[in-house]
Amino acid sequence: METIILNDLPKEKTALYEHIHMTNTQTTRFKEISFNKTQLISEVEYTKFNGFLIKMIAKLFPNKFKQQSQKWLIQFKTFAERAS
């Protein structure tokens, strides 16, 4: 479930995500670099893990969550650059 905490688009959006396995808050900021370039800054704070397996993954492989977020950012970048 997504709950919007702050909606100040096009500058910033913060949302709380509640999933069966975890709860996290994501803040996304957009910063204009030049006329046709924008920097997307994404911060994710994992606040709760539900279940033994996901807790172990978070403890043993904390970079896995960062890698997944990076993968989504790269996919979004590809999408945005194709659309323009």
PDB file of N, CA and C in Angstrom:
ATOM      1  N   MET A   1       0.839  -1.151   0.000  1.00  0.00           N
ATOM      2  CA  MET A   1       0.000   0.000   0.000  1.00  0.00           C
ATOM      3  C   MET A   1       0.903   1.239   0.000  1.00  0.00           C
ATOM      4  N   GLU A   2       0.533   2.215  -0.778  1.00  0.00           N
ATOM      5  CA  GLU A   2       1.282   3.469  -0.844  1.00  0.00           C
ATOM      6  C   GLU A   2       0.471   4.563  -0.156  1.00  0.00           C
ATOM      7  N   THR A   3       1.124   5.267   0.759  1.00  0.00           N
ATOM      8  CA  THR A   3       0.518   6.423   1.409  1.00  0.00           C
ATOM      9  C   THR A   3       1.402   7.623   1.111  1.00  0.00           C
ATOM     10  N   ILE A   4       0.843   8.623   0.450  1.00  0.00           N
ATOM     11  CA  ILE A   4       1.608   9.820   0.120  1.00  0.00           C
ATOM     12  C   ILE A   4       1.741  10.670   1.377  1.00  0.00           C
ATOM     13  N   ILE A   5       2.975  10.970   1.741  1.00  0.00           N
ATOM     14  CA  ILE A   5       3.257  11.792   2.912  1.00  0.00           C
ATOM     15  C   ILE A   5       3.445  13.247   2.497  1.00  0.00           C
ATOM     16  N   LEU A   6       4.159  13.458   1.394  1.00  0.00           N
ATOM     17  CA  LEU A   6       4.408  14.801   0.871  1.00  0.00           C
ATOM     18  C   LEU A   6       4.321  14.749  -0.642  1.00  0.00           C
ATOM     19  N   ASN A   7       3.532  15.646  -1.212  1.00  0.00           N
ATOM     20  CA  ASN A   7       3.425  15.731  -2.668  1.00  0.00           C
ATOM     21  C   ASN A   7       3.678  17.179  -3.063  1.00  0.00           C
ATOM     22  N   ASP A   8       4.932  17.461  -3.358  1.00  0.00           N
ATOM     23  CA  ASP A   8       5.340  18.799  -3.764  1.00  0.00           C
ATOM     24  C   ASP A   8       5.980  18.711  -5.152  1.00  0.00           C
ATOM     25  N   LEU A   9       5.314  17.986  -6.044  1.00  0.00           N
ATOM     26  CA  LEU A   9       5.830  17.834  -7.402  1.00  0.00           C
ATOM     27  C   LEU A   9       5.716  19.163  -8.132  1.00  0.00           C
ATOM     28  N   PRO A  10       6.635  19.510  -8.958  1.00  0.00           N
ATOM     29  CA  PRO A  10       7.676  18.664  -9.544  1.00  0.00           C
ATOM     30  C   PRO A  10       8.970  18.608  -8.738  1.00  0.00           C
ATOM     31  N   LYS A  11       8.996  19.168  -7.534  1.00  0.00           N
ATOM     32  CA  LYS A  11      10.232  19.185  -6.747  1.00  0.00           C
ATOM     33  C   LYS A  11      10.477  17.897  -5.965  1.00  0.00           C
ATOM     34  N   GLU A  12       9.449  17.426  -5.263  1.00  0.00           N
ATOM     35  CA  GLU A  12       9.675  16.349  -4.305  1.00  0.00           C
ATOM     36  C   GLU A  12       8.398  15.561  -4.028  1.00  0.00           C
ATOM     37  N   LYS A  13       8.599  14.270  -3.724  1.00  0.00           N
ATOM     38  CA  LYS A  13       7.495  13.401  -3.308  1.00  0.00           C
ATOM     39  C   LYS A  13       8.036  12.427  -2.263  1.00  0.00           C
ATOM     40  N   THR A  14       7.288  12.264  -1.179  1.00  0.00           N
ATOM     41  CA  THR A  14       7.641  11.286  -0.151  1.00  0.00           C
ATOM     42  C   THR A  14       6.441  10.376   0.059  1.00  0.00           C
ATOM     43  N   ALA A  15       6.712   9.072   0.103  1.00  0.00           N
ATOM     44  CA  ALA A  15       5.629   8.104   0.264  1.00  0.00           C
ATOM     45  C   ALA A  15       6.053   6.997   1.219  1.00  0.00           C
ATOM     46  N   LEU A  16       5.073   6.481   1.928  1.00  0.00           N
ATOM     47  CA  LEU A  16       5.258   5.331   2.801  1.00  0.00           C
ATOM     48  C   LEU A  16       4.735   4.112   2.056  1.00  0.00           C
ATOM     49  N   TYR A  17       5.552   3.072   1.976  1.00  0.00           N
ATOM     50  CA  TYR A  17       5.160   1.835   1.298  1.00  0.00           C
ATOM     51  C   TYR A  17       5.091   0.716   2.328  1.00  0.00           C
ATOM     52  N   GLU A  18       3.915   0.085   2.419  1.00  0.00           N
ATOM     53  CA  GLU A  18       3.715  -1.022   3.343  1.00  0.00           C
ATOM     54  C   GLU A  18       3.428  -2.276   2.527  1.00  0.00           C
ATOM     55  N   HIS A  19       4.301  -3.253   2.674  1.00  0.00           N
ATOM     56  CA  HIS A  19       4.249  -4.494   1.911  1.00  0.00           C
ATOM     57  C   HIS A  19       4.231  -5.649   2.905  1.00  0.00           C
ATOM     58  N   ILE A  20       3.825  -6.802   2.452  1.00  0.00           N
ATOM     59  CA  ILE A  20       3.765  -7.969   3.333  1.00  0.00           C
ATOM     60  C   ILE A  20       5.130  -8.276   3.965  1.00  0.00           C
ATOM     61  N   HIS A  21       6.228  -7.976   3.247  1.00  0.00           N
ATOM     62  CA  HIS A  21       7.566  -8.307   3.738  1.00  0.00           C
ATOM     63  C   HIS A  21       8.293  -7.148   4.400  1.00  0.00           C
ATOM     64  N   MET A  22       7.892  -5.910   4.098  1.00  0.00           N
ATOM     65  CA  MET A  22       8.629  -4.779   4.658  1.00  0.00           C
ATOM     66  C   MET A  22       7.827  -3.491   4.584  1.00  0.00           C
ATOM     67  N   THR A  23       8.312  -2.508   5.339  1.00  0.00           N
ATOM     68  CA  THR A  23       7.767  -1.156   5.311  1.00  0.00           C
ATOM     69  C   THR A  23       8.934  -0.215   5.074  1.00  0.00           C
ATOM     70  N   ASN A  24       8.749   0.727   4.167  1.00  0.00           N
ATOM     71  CA  ASN A  24       9.806   1.693   3.914  1.00  0.00           C
ATOM     72  C   ASN A  24       9.219   3.038   3.488  1.00  0.00           C
ATOM     73  N   THR A  25      10.041   4.055   3.643  1.00  0.00           N
ATOM     74  CA  THR A  25       9.684   5.402   3.214  1.00  0.00           C
ATOM     75  C   THR A  25      10.642   5.800   2.106  1.00  0.00           C
ATOM     76  N   GLN A  26      10.094   6.335   1.017  1.00  0.00           N
ATOM     77  CA  GLN A  26      10.926   6.755  -0.106  1.00  0.00           C
ATOM     78  C   GLN A  26      10.668   8.228  -0.391  1.00  0.00           C
ATOM     79  N   THR A  27      11.766   8.979  -0.454  1.00  0.00           N
ATOM     80  CA  THR A  27      11.705  10.383  -0.843  1.00  0.00           C
ATOM     81  C   THR A  27      12.398  10.516  -2.184  1.00  0.00           C
ATOM     82  N   THR A  28      11.711  11.118  -3.125  1.00  0.00           N
ATOM     83  CA  THR A  28      12.250  11.345  -4.460  1.00  0.00           C
ATOM     84  C   THR A  28      12.274  12.843  -4.697  1.00  0.00           C
ATOM     85  N   ARG A  29      13.455  13.342  -5.074  1.00  0.00           N
ATOM     86  CA  ARG A  29      13.609  14.766  -5.361  1.00  0.00           C
ATOM     87  C   ARG A  29      14.094  14.930  -6.799  1.00  0.00           C
ATOM     88  N   PHE A  30      13.636  15.996  -7.427  1.00  0.00           N
ATOM     89  CA  PHE A  30      14.045  16.320  -8.784  1.00  0.00           C
ATOM     90  C   PHE A  30      14.754  17.668  -8.750  1.00  0.00           C
ATOM     91  N   LYS A  31      15.967  17.702  -9.298  1.00  0.00           N
ATOM     92  CA  LYS A  31      16.771  18.925  -9.296  1.00  0.00           C
ATOM     93  C   LYS A  31      17.133  19.269 -10.735  1.00  0.00           C
ATOM     94  N   GLU A  32      16.788  20.479 -11.155  1.00  0.00           N
ATOM     95  CA  GLU A  32      17.108  20.910 -12.519  1.00  0.00           C
ATOM     96  C   GLU A  32      18.605  21.169 -12.623  1.00  0.00           C
ATOM     97  N   ILE A  33      19.227  20.506 -13.583  1.00  0.00           N
ATOM     98  CA  ILE A  33      20.658  20.672 -13.836  1.00  0.00           C
ATOM     99  C   ILE A  33      20.869  21.711 -14.928  1.00  0.00           C
ATOM    100  N   SER A  34      20.085  21.610 -15.974  1.00  0.00           N
ATOM    101  CA  SER A  34      20.118  22.573 -17.078  1.00  0.00           C
ATOM    102  C   SER A  34      18.738  22.559 -17.724  1.00  0.00           C
ATOM    103  N   PHE A  35      18.599  23.255 -18.836  1.00  0.00           N
ATOM    104  CA  PHE A  35      17.301  23.383 -19.492  1.00  0.00           C
ATOM    105  C   PHE A  35      16.632  22.038 -19.754  1.00  0.00           C
ATOM    106  N   ASN A  36      17.382  21.062 -20.221  1.00  0.00           N
ATOM    107  CA  ASN A  36      16.779  19.766 -20.559  1.00  0.00           C
ATOM    108  C   ASN A  36      17.391  18.596 -19.779  1.00  0.00           C
ATOM    109  N   LYS A  37      17.975  18.891 -18.612  1.00  0.00           N
ATOM    110  CA  LYS A  37      18.543  17.831 -17.779  1.00  0.00           C
ATOM    111  C   LYS A  37      18.052  17.980 -16.347  1.00  0.00           C
ATOM    112  N   THR A  38      17.634  16.845 -15.778  1.00  0.00           N
ATOM    113  CA  THR A  38      17.141  16.814 -14.407  1.00  0.00           C
ATOM    114  C   THR A  38      17.831  15.686 -13.656  1.00  0.00           C
ATOM    115  N   GLN A  39      18.239  15.981 -12.436  1.00  0.00           N
ATOM    116  CA  GLN A  39      18.819  14.958 -11.572  1.00  0.00           C
ATOM    117  C   GLN A  39      17.716  14.420 -10.667  1.00  0.00           C
ATOM    118  N   LEU A  40      17.594  13.094 -10.594  1.00  0.00           N
ATOM    119  CA  LEU A  40      16.637  12.444  -9.707  1.00  0.00           C
ATOM    120  C   LEU A  40      17.416  11.914  -8.509  1.00  0.00           C
ATOM    121  N   ILE A  41      17.007  12.316  -7.316  1.00  0.00           N
ATOM    122  CA  ILE A  41      17.654  11.872  -6.083  1.00  0.00           C
ATOM    123  C   ILE A  41      16.630  11.044  -5.311  1.00  0.00           C
ATOM    124  N   SER A  42      16.995   9.813  -5.006  1.00  0.00           N
ATOM    125  CA  SER A  42      16.068   8.904  -4.325  1.00  0.00           C
ATOM    126  C   SER A  42      16.686   8.436  -3.011  1.00  0.00           C
ATOM    127  N   GLU A  43      15.928   8.576  -1.934  1.00  0.00           N
ATOM    128  CA  GLU A  43      16.360   8.101  -0.622  1.00  0.00           C
ATOM    129  C   GLU A  43      15.306   7.127  -0.104  1.00  0.00           C
ATOM    130  N   VAL A  44      15.763   5.945   0.304  1.00  0.00           N
ATOM    131  CA  VAL A  44      14.846   4.925   0.819  1.00  0.00           C
ATOM    132  C   VAL A  44      15.283   4.564   2.232  1.00  0.00           C
ATOM    133  N   GLU A  45      14.332   4.614   3.155  1.00  0.00           N
ATOM    134  CA  GLU A  45      14.589   4.213   4.533  1.00  0.00           C
ATOM    135  C   GLU A  45      13.706   3.006   4.847  1.00  0.00           C
ATOM    136  N   TYR A  46      14.361   1.878   5.100  1.00  0.00           N
ATOM    137  CA  TYR A  46      13.630   0.663   5.459  1.00  0.00           C
ATOM    138  C   TYR A  46      13.388   0.691   6.962  1.00  0.00           C
ATOM    139  N   THR A  47      12.129   0.669   7.354  1.00  0.00           N
ATOM    140  CA  THR A  47      11.797   0.832   8.766  1.00  0.00           C
ATOM    141  C   THR A  47      11.344  -0.457   9.441  1.00  0.00           C
ATOM    142  N   LYS A  48      10.909  -1.444   8.646  1.00  0.00           N
ATOM    143  CA  LYS A  48      10.421  -2.682   9.255  1.00  0.00           C
ATOM    144  C   LYS A  48      10.529  -3.832   8.262  1.00  0.00           C
ATOM    145  N   PHE A  49      11.026  -4.967   8.753  1.00  0.00           N
ATOM    146  CA  PHE A  49      11.069  -6.187   7.953  1.00  0.00           C
ATOM    147  C   PHE A  49      10.192  -7.228   8.639  1.00  0.00           C
ATOM    148  N   ASN A  50       9.363  -7.911   7.861  1.00  0.00           N
ATOM    149  CA  ASN A  50       8.441  -8.915   8.394  1.00  0.00           C
ATOM    150  C   ASN A  50       8.833 -10.297   7.894  1.00  0.00           C
ATOM    151  N   GLY A  51       9.144 -11.185   8.795  1.00  0.00           N
ATOM    152  CA  GLY A  51       9.486 -12.554   8.426  1.00  0.00           C
ATOM    153  C   GLY A  51      10.968 -12.835   8.588  1.00  0.00           C
ATOM    154  N   PHE A  52      11.262 -14.056   8.941  1.00  0.00           N
ATOM    155  CA  PHE A  52      12.634 -14.468   9.217  1.00  0.00           C
ATOM    156  C   PHE A  52      13.546 -14.306   8.003  1.00  0.00           C
ATOM    157  N   LEU A  53      13.110 -14.802   6.843  1.00  0.00           N
ATOM    158  CA  LEU A  53      13.962 -14.790   5.653  1.00  0.00           C
ATOM    159  C   LEU A  53      14.345 -13.372   5.231  1.00  0.00           C
ATOM    160  N   ILE A  54      13.385 -12.471   5.172  1.00  0.00           N
ATOM    161  CA  ILE A  54      13.683 -11.107   4.737  1.00  0.00           C
ATOM    162  C   ILE A  54      14.575 -10.399   5.759  1.00  0.00           C
ATOM    163  N   LYS A  55      14.397 -10.709   7.040  1.00  0.00           N
ATOM    164  CA  LYS A  55      15.259 -10.128   8.075  1.00  0.00           C
ATOM    165  C   LYS A  55      16.693 -10.612   7.909  1.00  0.00           C
ATOM    166  N   MET A  56      16.854 -11.899   7.574  1.00  0.00           N
ATOM    167  CA  MET A  56      18.199 -12.454   7.367  1.00  0.00           C
ATOM    168  C   MET A  56      18.856 -11.844   6.134  1.00  0.00           C
ATOM    169  N   ILE A  57      18.094 -11.699   5.059  1.00  0.00           N
ATOM    170  CA  ILE A  57      18.632 -11.085   3.841  1.00  0.00           C
ATOM    171  C   ILE A  57      19.079  -9.656   4.138  1.00  0.00           C
ATOM    172  N   ALA A  58      18.250  -8.911   4.865  1.00  0.00           N
ATOM    173  CA  ALA A  58      18.587  -7.525   5.202  1.00  0.00           C
ATOM    174  C   ALA A  58      19.850  -7.456   6.051  1.00  0.00           C
ATOM    175  N   LYS A  59      20.009  -8.408   6.940  1.00  0.00           N
ATOM    176  CA  LYS A  59      21.171  -8.420   7.833  1.00  0.00           C
ATOM    177  C   LYS A  59      22.438  -8.872   7.111  1.00  0.00           C
ATOM    178  N   LEU A  60      22.336  -9.940   6.317  1.00  0.00           N
ATOM    179  CA  LEU A  60      23.511 -10.520   5.664  1.00  0.00           C
ATOM    180  C   LEU A  60      23.895  -9.825   4.360  1.00  0.00           C
ATOM    181  N   PHE A  61      22.906  -9.309   3.642  1.00  0.00           N
ATOM    182  CA  PHE A  61      23.150  -8.699   2.333  1.00  0.00           C
ATOM    183  C   PHE A  61      22.472  -7.328   2.234  1.00  0.00           C
ATOM    184  N   PRO A  62      22.870  -6.371   3.051  1.00  0.00           N
ATOM    185  CA  PRO A  62      22.183  -5.072   3.047  1.00  0.00           C
ATOM    186  C   PRO A  62      22.254  -4.346   1.704  1.00  0.00           C
ATOM    187  N   ASN A  63      23.266  -4.619   0.908  1.00  0.00           N
ATOM    188  CA  ASN A  63      23.392  -3.951  -0.397  1.00  0.00           C
ATOM    189  C   ASN A  63      22.383  -4.449  -1.428  1.00  0.00           C
ATOM    190  N   LYS A  64      21.748  -5.585  -1.184  1.00  0.00           N
ATOM    191  CA  LYS A  64      20.755  -6.112  -2.135  1.00  0.00           C
ATOM    192  C   LYS A  64      19.621  -5.119  -2.352  1.00  0.00           C
ATOM    193  N   PHE A  65      19.189  -4.459  -1.304  1.00  0.00           N
ATOM    194  CA  PHE A  65      18.099  -3.492  -1.422  1.00  0.00           C
ATOM    195  C   PHE A  65      18.554  -2.266  -2.212  1.00  0.00           C
ATOM    196  N   LYS A  66      19.776  -1.844  -1.967  1.00  0.00           N
ATOM    197  CA  LYS A  66      20.339  -0.706  -2.700  1.00  0.00           C
ATOM    198  C   LYS A  66      20.493  -1.058  -4.183  1.00  0.00           C
ATOM    199  N   GLN A  67      20.941  -2.273  -4.468  1.00  0.00           N
ATOM    200  CA  GLN A  67      21.101  -2.713  -5.858  1.00  0.00           C
ATOM    201  C   GLN A  67      19.763  -2.730  -6.587  1.00  0.00           C
ATOM    202  N   GLN A  68      18.713  -3.180  -5.918  1.00  0.00           N
ATOM    203  CA  GLN A  68      17.389  -3.217  -6.547  1.00  0.00           C
ATOM    204  C   GLN A  68      16.895  -1.805  -6.829  1.00  0.00           C
ATOM    205  N   SER A  69      17.088  -0.900  -5.884  1.00  0.00           N
ATOM    206  CA  SER A  69      16.692   0.499  -6.097  1.00  0.00           C
ATOM    207  C   SER A  69      17.461   1.104  -7.264  1.00  0.00           C
ATOM    208  N   GLN A  70      18.748   0.800  -7.352  1.00  0.00           N
ATOM    209  CA  GLN A  70      19.571   1.311  -8.451  1.00  0.00           C
ATOM    210  C   GLN A  70      19.077   0.769  -9.790  1.00  0.00           C
ATOM    211  N   LYS A  71      18.688  -0.491  -9.813  1.00  0.00           N
ATOM    212  CA  LYS A  71      18.152  -1.104 -11.035  1.00  0.00           C
ATOM    213  C   LYS A  71      16.905  -0.354 -11.507  1.00  0.00           C
ATOM    214  N   TRP A  72      15.991  -0.028 -10.565  1.00  0.00           N
ATOM    215  CA  TRP A  72      14.770   0.697 -10.923  1.00  0.00           C
ATOM    216  C   TRP A  72      15.087   2.103 -11.428  1.00  0.00           C
ATOM    217  N   LEU A  73      16.083   2.750 -10.815  1.00  0.00           N
ATOM    218  CA  LEU A  73      16.470   4.094 -11.257  1.00  0.00           C
ATOM    219  C   LEU A  73      17.030   4.064 -12.679  1.00  0.00           C
ATOM    220  N   ILE A  74      17.826   3.061 -12.982  1.00  0.00           N
ATOM    221  CA  ILE A  74      18.381   2.923 -14.334  1.00  0.00           C
ATOM    222  C   ILE A  74      17.261   2.672 -15.340  1.00  0.00           C
ATOM    223  N   GLN A  75      16.295   1.830 -14.982  1.00  0.00           N
ATOM    224  CA  GLN A  75      15.157   1.578 -15.873  1.00  0.00           C
ATOM    225  C   GLN A  75      14.344   2.852 -16.093  1.00  0.00           C
ATOM    226  N   PHE A  76      14.141   3.643 -15.044  1.00  0.00           N
ATOM    227  CA  PHE A  76      13.402   4.898 -15.181  1.00  0.00           C
ATOM    228  C   PHE A  76      14.173   5.878 -16.063  1.00  0.00           C
ATOM    229  N   LYS A  77      15.491   5.945 -15.891  1.00  0.00           N
ATOM    230  CA  LYS A  77      16.334   6.821 -16.715  1.00  0.00           C
ATOM    231  C   LYS A  77      16.201   6.450 -18.187  1.00  0.00           C
ATOM    232  N   THR A  78      16.260   5.170 -18.486  1.00  0.00           N
ATOM    233  CA  THR A  78      16.109   4.699 -19.865  1.00  0.00           C
ATOM    234  C   THR A  78      14.749   5.104 -20.423  1.00  0.00           C
ATOM    235  N   PHE A  79      13.693   4.899 -19.647  1.00  0.00           N
ATOM    236  CA  PHE A  79      12.344   5.280 -20.058  1.00  0.00           C
ATOM    237  C   PHE A  79      12.252   6.785 -20.320  1.00  0.00           C
ATOM    238  N   ALA A  80      12.752   7.578 -19.390  1.00  0.00           N
ATOM    239  CA  ALA A  80      12.644   9.036 -19.511  1.00  0.00           C
ATOM    240  C   ALA A  80      13.424   9.560 -20.714  1.00  0.00           C
ATOM    241  N   GLU A  81      14.584   8.988 -20.966  1.00  0.00           N
ATOM    242  CA  GLU A  81      15.394   9.453 -22.095  1.00  0.00           C
ATOM    243  C   GLU A  81      14.780   9.051 -23.430  1.00  0.00           C
ATOM    244  N   ARG A  82      14.100   7.931 -23.478  1.00  0.00           N
ATOM    245  CA  ARG A  82      13.422   7.521 -24.716  1.00  0.00           C
ATOM    246  C   ARG A  82      12.208   8.396 -24.996  1.00  0.00           C
ATOM    247  N   ALA A  83      11.529   8.820 -23.942  1.00  0.00           N
ATOM    248  CA  ALA A  83      10.304   9.613 -24.088  1.00  0.00           C
ATOM    249  C   ALA A  83      10.586  11.043 -24.531  1.00  0.00           C
ATOM    250  N   SER A  84      11.802  11.507 -24.323  1.00  0.00           N
ATOM    251  CA  SER A  84      12.093  12.912 -24.660  1.00  0.00           C
ATOM    252  C   SER A  84      12.652  13.073 -26.050  1.00  0.00           C
TER     253      SER A  84
END
